[in-house]
Amino acid sequence: MNPNNVSLKNFLSFLESKGCKCIRHHKGHYVYSHSNATRPIIIQDHIDPVPLMVIKTNLKTLGLTLTDIRDFQN
C-alpha cells in the first residue's frame, strides 16, 4: 500500500488490525482508541484518500511507522 494514496476504508481496516477500536463517529470524524495510544486517533470521514500528514500523525500516536502500513496489504 502506497502511504500517499491510502483509501479511508483501507486505513480504518489497518487501524482495526492493529487493535484500535472505534469509540464514536461524530460530526464527520471517526474517533478511535488504543490501549497504548497517548491520545485518541481522529480521522475525518469525508476525505478520501487519507492525507499523508494525517496518516503520519496517527502512526506516531500508535508508535508505528510508514513501513507498517506499507506491509499491511503486501
PDB file of N, CA and C in Angstrom:
ATOM      1  N   MET A   1       0.841  -1.173   0.000  1.00  0.00           N
ATOM      2  CA  MET A   1       0.000   0.000   0.000  1.00  0.00           C
ATOM      3  C   MET A   1       0.889   1.240   0.000  1.00  0.00           C
ATOM      4  N   ASN A   2       0.624   2.115  -0.905  1.00  0.00           N
ATOM      5  CA  ASN A   2       1.365   3.366  -1.005  1.00  0.00           C
ATOM      6  C   ASN A   2       0.792   4.354   0.027  1.00  0.00           C
ATOM      7  N   PRO A   3       1.598   4.824   0.987  1.00  0.00           N
ATOM      8  CA  PRO A   3       1.057   5.719   2.014  1.00  0.00           C
ATOM      9  C   PRO A   3       0.574   7.060   1.486  1.00  0.00           C
ATOM     10  N   ASN A   4       0.918   7.410   0.260  1.00  0.00           N
ATOM     11  CA  ASN A   4       0.435   8.662  -0.322  1.00  0.00           C
ATOM     12  C   ASN A   4      -0.971   8.534  -0.878  1.00  0.00           C
ATOM     13  N   ASN A   5      -1.483   7.321  -0.968  1.00  0.00           N
ATOM     14  CA  ASN A   5      -2.783   7.106  -1.591  1.00  0.00           C
ATOM     15  C   ASN A   5      -3.546   6.001  -0.858  1.00  0.00           C
ATOM     16  N   VAL A   6      -3.772   6.173   0.438  1.00  0.00           N
ATOM     17  CA  VAL A   6      -4.471   5.176   1.245  1.00  0.00           C
ATOM     18  C   VAL A   6      -5.941   5.577   1.340  1.00  0.00           C
ATOM     19  N   SER A   7      -6.811   4.676   0.903  1.00  0.00           N
ATOM     20  CA  SER A   7      -8.240   4.977   0.980  1.00  0.00           C
ATOM     21  C   SER A   7      -8.683   4.971   2.444  1.00  0.00           C
ATOM     22  N   LEU A   8      -9.763   5.657   2.705  1.00  0.00           N
ATOM     23  CA  LEU A   8     -10.311   5.720   4.056  1.00  0.00           C
ATOM     24  C   LEU A   8     -10.643   4.320   4.560  1.00  0.00           C
ATOM     25  N   LYS A   9     -11.266   3.523   3.722  1.00  0.00           N
ATOM     26  CA  LYS A   9     -11.642   2.156   4.097  1.00  0.00           C
ATOM     27  C   LYS A   9     -10.407   1.333   4.482  1.00  0.00           C
ATOM     28  N   ASN A  10      -9.341   1.425   3.693  1.00  0.00           N
ATOM     29  CA  ASN A  10      -8.122   0.668   3.992  1.00  0.00           C
ATOM     30  C   ASN A  10      -7.450   1.165   5.266  1.00  0.00           C
ATOM     31  N   PHE A  11      -7.444   2.465   5.498  1.00  0.00           N
ATOM     32  CA  PHE A  11      -6.802   2.987   6.704  1.00  0.00           C
ATOM     33  C   PHE A  11      -7.569   2.573   7.950  1.00  0.00           C
ATOM     34  N   LEU A  12      -8.899   2.596   7.881  1.00  0.00           N
ATOM     35  CA  LEU A  12      -9.693   2.150   9.026  1.00  0.00           C
ATOM     36  C   LEU A  12      -9.482   0.658   9.278  1.00  0.00           C
ATOM     37  N   SER A  13      -9.373  -0.136   8.223  1.00  0.00           N
ATOM     38  CA  SER A  13      -9.076  -1.565   8.369  1.00  0.00           C
ATOM     39  C   SER A  13      -7.709  -1.776   9.003  1.00  0.00           C
ATOM     40  N   PHE A  14      -6.726  -0.971   8.597  1.00  0.00           N
ATOM     41  CA  PHE A  14      -5.389  -1.047   9.169  1.00  0.00           C
ATOM     42  C   PHE A  14      -5.435  -0.753  10.661  1.00  0.00           C
ATOM     43  N   LEU A  15      -6.144   0.310  11.053  1.00  0.00           N
ATOM     44  CA  LEU A  15      -6.240   0.666  12.471  1.00  0.00           C
ATOM     45  C   LEU A  15      -6.862  -0.473  13.277  1.00  0.00           C
ATOM     46  N   GLU A  16      -7.927  -1.058  12.742  1.00  0.00           N
ATOM     47  CA  GLU A  16      -8.593  -2.153  13.445  1.00  0.00           C
ATOM     48  C   GLU A  16      -7.702  -3.382  13.541  1.00  0.00           C
ATOM     49  N   SER A  17      -6.869  -3.625  12.519  1.00  0.00           N
ATOM     50  CA  SER A  17      -5.958  -4.771  12.553  1.00  0.00           C
ATOM     51  C   SER A  17      -4.869  -4.592  13.603  1.00  0.00           C
ATOM     52  N   LYS A  18      -4.600  -3.343  13.979  1.00  0.00           N
ATOM     53  CA  LYS A  18      -3.590  -3.037  14.993  1.00  0.00           C
ATOM     54  C   LYS A  18      -4.195  -2.946  16.392  1.00  0.00           C
ATOM     55  N   GLY A  19      -5.472  -3.276  16.527  1.00  0.00           N
ATOM     56  CA  GLY A  19      -6.109  -3.312  17.839  1.00  0.00           C
ATOM     57  C   GLY A  19      -6.850  -2.056  18.231  1.00  0.00           C
ATOM     58  N   CYS A  20      -7.036  -1.133  17.309  1.00  0.00           N
ATOM     59  CA  CYS A  20      -7.781   0.090  17.606  1.00  0.00           C
ATOM     60  C   CYS A  20      -9.280  -0.195  17.553  1.00  0.00           C
ATOM     61  N   LYS A  21     -10.015   0.483  18.393  1.00  0.00           N
ATOM     62  CA  LYS A  21     -11.469   0.338  18.454  1.00  0.00           C
ATOM     63  C   LYS A  21     -12.120   1.691  18.182  1.00  0.00           C
ATOM     64  N   CYS A  22     -13.136   1.685  17.326  1.00  0.00           N
ATOM     65  CA  CYS A  22     -13.880   2.917  17.059  1.00  0.00           C
ATOM     66  C   CYS A  22     -14.789   3.171  18.253  1.00  0.00           C
ATOM     67  N   ILE A  23     -14.540   4.275  18.953  1.00  0.00           N
ATOM     68  CA  ILE A  23     -15.350   4.558  20.129  1.00  0.00           C
ATOM     69  C   ILE A  23     -16.526   5.488  19.818  1.00  0.00           C
ATOM     70  N   ARG A  24     -16.439   6.222  18.703  1.00  0.00           N
ATOM     71  CA  ARG A  24     -17.589   7.016  18.263  1.00  0.00           C
ATOM     72  C   ARG A  24     -17.351   7.553  16.850  1.00  0.00           C
ATOM     73  N   HIS A  25     -18.451   7.929  16.227  1.00  0.00           N
ATOM     74  CA  HIS A  25     -18.435   8.576  14.918  1.00  0.00           C
ATOM     75  C   HIS A  25     -19.337   9.788  15.076  1.00  0.00           C
ATOM     76  N   HIS A  26     -18.720  10.975  15.130  1.00  0.00           N
ATOM     77  CA  HIS A  26     -19.464  12.169  15.499  1.00  0.00           C
ATOM     78  C   HIS A  26     -19.046  13.355  14.629  1.00  0.00           C
ATOM     79  N   LYS A  27     -20.020  14.016  14.046  1.00  0.00           N
ATOM     80  CA  LYS A  27     -19.816  15.239  13.269  1.00  0.00           C
ATOM     81  C   LYS A  27     -18.703  15.117  12.237  1.00  0.00           C
ATOM     82  N   GLY A  28     -18.723  14.031  11.464  1.00  0.00           N
ATOM     83  CA  GLY A  28     -17.774  13.887  10.372  1.00  0.00           C
ATOM     84  C   GLY A  28     -16.418  13.339  10.755  1.00  0.00           C
ATOM     85  N   HIS A  29     -16.275  12.809  11.957  1.00  0.00           N
ATOM     86  CA  HIS A  29     -14.995  12.274  12.405  1.00  0.00           C
ATOM     87  C   HIS A  29     -15.177  10.896  13.045  1.00  0.00           C
ATOM     88  N   TYR A  30     -14.278   9.980  12.695  1.00  0.00           N
ATOM     89  CA  TYR A  30     -14.176   8.727  13.423  1.00  0.00           C
ATOM     90  C   TYR A  30     -13.187   8.958  14.555  1.00  0.00           C
ATOM     91  N   VAL A  31     -13.521   8.463  15.735  1.00  0.00           N
ATOM     92  CA  VAL A  31     -12.626   8.570  16.881  1.00  0.00           C
ATOM     93  C   VAL A  31     -12.287   7.158  17.324  1.00  0.00           C
ATOM     94  N   TYR A  32     -10.997   6.820  17.241  1.00  0.00           N
ATOM     95  CA  TYR A  32     -10.511   5.503  17.616  1.00  0.00           C
ATOM     96  C   TYR A  32      -9.697   5.592  18.890  1.00  0.00           C
ATOM     97  N   SER A  33      -9.664   4.473  19.608  1.00  0.00           N
ATOM     98  CA  SER A  33      -8.891   4.387  20.841  1.00  0.00           C
ATOM     99  C   SER A  33      -8.028   3.131  20.805  1.00  0.00           C
ATOM    100  N   HIS A  34      -6.894   3.192  21.483  1.00  0.00           N
ATOM    101  CA  HIS A  34      -5.995   2.049  21.616  1.00  0.00           C
ATOM    102  C   HIS A  34      -5.347   2.130  22.992  1.00  0.00           C
ATOM    103  N   SER A  35      -5.143   0.996  23.614  1.00  0.00           N
ATOM    104  CA  SER A  35      -4.609   0.995  24.980  1.00  0.00           C
ATOM    105  C   SER A  35      -3.207   1.593  25.064  1.00  0.00           C
ATOM    106  N   ASN A  36      -2.409   1.506  24.006  1.00  0.00           N
ATOM    107  CA  ASN A  36      -1.050   2.047  24.011  1.00  0.00           C
ATOM    108  C   ASN A  36      -0.965   3.469  23.465  1.00  0.00           C
ATOM    109  N   ALA A  37      -2.060   4.006  22.966  1.00  0.00           N
ATOM    110  CA  ALA A  37      -2.046   5.340  22.352  1.00  0.00           C
ATOM    111  C   ALA A  37      -2.039   6.421  23.424  1.00  0.00           C
ATOM    112  N   THR A  38      -1.306   7.491  23.144  1.00  0.00           N
ATOM    113  CA  THR A  38      -1.211   8.598  24.089  1.00  0.00           C
ATOM    114  C   THR A  38      -2.405   9.551  23.996  1.00  0.00           C
ATOM    115  N   ARG A  39      -3.164   9.437  22.916  1.00  0.00           N
ATOM    116  CA  ARG A  39      -4.335  10.289  22.706  1.00  0.00           C
ATOM    117  C   ARG A  39      -5.260   9.590  21.720  1.00  0.00           C
ATOM    118  N   PRO A  40      -6.500  10.059  21.549  1.00  0.00           N
ATOM    119  CA  PRO A  40      -7.407   9.452  20.569  1.00  0.00           C
ATOM    120  C   PRO A  40      -6.889   9.626  19.140  1.00  0.00           C
ATOM    121  N   ILE A  41      -7.289   8.739  18.284  1.00  0.00           N
ATOM    122  CA  ILE A  41      -6.936   8.786  16.863  1.00  0.00           C
ATOM    123  C   ILE A  41      -8.156   9.317  16.129  1.00  0.00           C
ATOM    124  N   ILE A  42      -8.000  10.439  15.457  1.00  0.00           N
ATOM    125  CA  ILE A  42      -9.111  11.126  14.811  1.00  0.00           C
ATOM    126  C   ILE A  42      -8.933  11.065  13.294  1.00  0.00           C
ATOM    127  N   ILE A  43      -9.973  10.620  12.591  1.00  0.00           N
ATOM    128  CA  ILE A  43      -9.956  10.540  11.132  1.00  0.00           C
ATOM    129  C   ILE A  43     -11.224  11.199  10.596  1.00  0.00           C
ATOM    130  N   GLN A  44     -11.082  12.118   9.662  1.00  0.00           N
ATOM    131  CA  GLN A  44     -12.253  12.723   9.026  1.00  0.00           C
ATOM    132  C   GLN A  44     -12.873  11.715   8.068  1.00  0.00           C
ATOM    133  N   ASP A  45     -14.196  11.632   8.083  1.00  0.00           N
ATOM    134  CA  ASP A  45     -14.865  10.623   7.260  1.00  0.00           C
ATOM    135  C   ASP A  45     -15.169  11.078   5.839  1.00  0.00           C
ATOM    136  N   HIS A  46     -14.924  12.322   5.516  1.00  0.00           N
ATOM    137  CA  HIS A  46     -15.278  12.839   4.194  1.00  0.00           C
ATOM    138  C   HIS A  46     -14.051  13.125   3.314  1.00  0.00           C
ATOM    139  N   ILE A  47     -12.859  12.782   3.790  1.00  0.00           N
ATOM    140  CA  ILE A  47     -11.655  12.991   2.986  1.00  0.00           C
ATOM    141  C   ILE A  47     -11.093  11.633   2.594  1.00  0.00           C
ATOM    142  N   ASP A  48     -11.119  11.350   1.307  1.00  0.00           N
ATOM    143  CA  ASP A  48     -10.653  10.065   0.791  1.00  0.00           C
ATOM    144  C   ASP A  48      -9.918  10.319  -0.516  1.00  0.00           C
ATOM    145  N   PRO A  49      -8.654   9.980  -0.641  1.00  0.00           N
ATOM    146  CA  PRO A  49      -7.815   9.219   0.288  1.00  0.00           C
ATOM    147  C   PRO A  49      -7.379  10.053   1.493  1.00  0.00           C
ATOM    148  N   VAL A  50      -6.923   9.356   2.522  1.00  0.00           N
ATOM    149  CA  VAL A  50      -6.478   9.996   3.756  1.00  0.00           C
ATOM    150  C   VAL A  50      -5.162  10.727   3.481  1.00  0.00           C
ATOM    151  N   PRO A  51      -5.068  12.010   3.847  1.00  0.00           N
ATOM    152  CA  PRO A  51      -3.823  12.763   3.618  1.00  0.00           C
ATOM    153  C   PRO A  51      -2.632  12.148   4.369  1.00  0.00           C
ATOM    154  N   LEU A  52      -1.473  12.227   3.755  1.00  0.00           N
ATOM    155  CA  LEU A  52      -0.258  11.649   4.330  1.00  0.00           C
ATOM    156  C   LEU A  52       0.040  12.216   5.710  1.00  0.00           C
ATOM    157  N   MET A  53      -0.181  13.502   5.919  1.00  0.00           N
ATOM    158  CA  MET A  53       0.075  14.101   7.224  1.00  0.00           C
ATOM    159  C   MET A  53      -0.785  13.456   8.316  1.00  0.00           C
ATOM    160  N   VAL A  54      -2.034  13.163   8.002  1.00  0.00           N
ATOM    161  CA  VAL A  54      -2.941  12.524   8.961  1.00  0.00           C
ATOM    162  C   VAL A  54      -2.461  11.107   9.264  1.00  0.00           C
ATOM    163  N   ILE A  55      -2.018  10.395   8.246  1.00  0.00           N
ATOM    164  CA  ILE A  55      -1.500   9.041   8.437  1.00  0.00           C
ATOM    165  C   ILE A  55      -0.275   9.068   9.338  1.00  0.00           C
ATOM    166  N   LYS A  56       0.684   9.945   9.034  1.00  0.00           N
ATOM    167  CA  LYS A  56       1.910  10.021   9.826  1.00  0.00           C
ATOM    168  C   LYS A  56       1.620  10.373  11.284  1.00  0.00           C
ATOM    169  N   THR A  57       0.746  11.338  11.508  1.00  0.00           N
ATOM    170  CA  THR A  57       0.403  11.762  12.863  1.00  0.00           C
ATOM    171  C   THR A  57      -0.203  10.610  13.657  1.00  0.00           C
ATOM    172  N   ASN A  58      -1.127   9.898  13.039  1.00  0.00           N
ATOM    173  CA  ASN A  58      -1.783   8.807  13.744  1.00  0.00           C
ATOM    174  C   ASN A  58      -0.864   7.606  13.930  1.00  0.00           C
ATOM    175  N   LEU A  59       0.030   7.356  12.981  1.00  0.00           N
ATOM    176  CA  LEU A  59       1.009   6.290  13.167  1.00  0.00           C
ATOM    177  C   LEU A  59       1.937   6.611  14.334  1.00  0.00           C
ATOM    178  N   LYS A  60       2.346   7.868  14.443  1.00  0.00           N
ATOM    179  CA  LYS A  60       3.216   8.291  15.544  1.00  0.00           C
ATOM    180  C   LYS A  60       2.507   8.098  16.884  1.00  0.00           C
ATOM    181  N   THR A  61       1.235   8.411  16.938  1.00  0.00           N
ATOM    182  CA  THR A  61       0.444   8.219  18.152  1.00  0.00           C
ATOM    183  C   THR A  61       0.450   6.757  18.587  1.00  0.00           C
ATOM    184  N   LEU A  62       0.444   5.843  17.608  1.00  0.00           N
ATOM    185  CA  LEU A  62       0.425   4.408  17.905  1.00  0.00           C
ATOM    186  C   LEU A  62       1.816   3.806  18.046  1.00  0.00           C
ATOM    187  N   GLY A  63       2.845   4.598  17.774  1.00  0.00           N
ATOM    188  CA  GLY A  63       4.205   4.078  17.834  1.00  0.00           C
ATOM    189  C   GLY A  63       4.555   3.213  16.640  1.00  0.00           C
ATOM    190  N   LEU A  64       3.917   3.484  15.495  1.00  0.00           N
ATOM    191  CA  LEU A  64       4.155   2.736  14.264  1.00  0.00           C
ATOM    192  C   LEU A  64       4.850   3.621  13.240  1.00  0.00           C
ATOM    193  N   THR A  65       5.266   3.014  12.131  1.00  0.00           N
ATOM    194  CA  THR A  65       5.940   3.750  11.062  1.00  0.00           C
ATOM    195  C   THR A  65       5.215   3.533   9.743  1.00  0.00           C
ATOM    196  N   LEU A  66       5.644   4.276   8.718  1.00  0.00           N
ATOM    197  CA  LEU A  66       5.060   4.105   7.387  1.00  0.00           C
ATOM    198  C   LEU A  66       5.291   2.692   6.848  1.00  0.00           C
ATOM    199  N   THR A  67       6.365   2.059   7.280  1.00  0.00           N
ATOM    200  CA  THR A  67       6.641   0.677   6.851  1.00  0.00           C
ATOM    201  C   THR A  67       5.513  -0.254   7.281  1.00  0.00           C
ATOM    202  N   ASP A  68       4.949  -0.028   8.454  1.00  0.00           N
ATOM    203  CA  ASP A  68       3.858  -0.874   8.946  1.00  0.00           C
ATOM    204  C   ASP A  68       2.644  -0.798   8.032  1.00  0.00           C
ATOM    205  N   ILE A  69       2.315   0.375   7.566  1.00  0.00           N
ATOM    206  CA  ILE A  69       1.154   0.496   6.684  1.00  0.00           C
ATOM    207  C   ILE A  69       1.474  -0.007   5.277  1.00  0.00           C
ATOM    208  N   ARG A  70       2.713   0.128   4.834  1.00  0.00           N
ATOM    209  CA  ARG A  70       3.103  -0.417   3.531  1.00  0.00           C
ATOM    210  C   ARG A  70       2.985  -1.926   3.535  1.00  0.00           C
ATOM    211  N   ASP A  71       3.388  -2.549   4.647  1.00  0.00           N
ATOM    212  CA  ASP A  71       3.368  -4.006   4.752  1.00  0.00           C
ATOM    213  C   ASP A  71       1.973  -4.567   4.980  1.00  0.00           C
ATOM    214  N   PHE A  72       1.022  -3.734   5.351  1.00  0.00           N
ATOM    215  CA  PHE A  72      -0.334  -4.190   5.687  1.00  0.00           C
ATOM    216  C   PHE A  72      -0.995  -4.931   4.528  1.00  0.00           C
ATOM    217  N   GLN A  73      -0.914  -4.412   3.330  1.00  0.00           N
ATOM    218  CA  GLN A  73      -1.553  -5.019   2.164  1.00  0.00           C
ATOM    219  C   GLN A  73      -0.636  -5.957   1.394  1.00  0.00           C
ATOM    220  N   ASN A  74       0.649  -5.920   1.652  1.00  0.00           N
ATOM    221  CA  ASN A  74       1.589  -6.753   0.878  1.00  0.00           C
ATOM    222  C   ASN A  74       1.732  -8.131   1.433  1.00  0.00           C
TER     223      ASN A  74
END
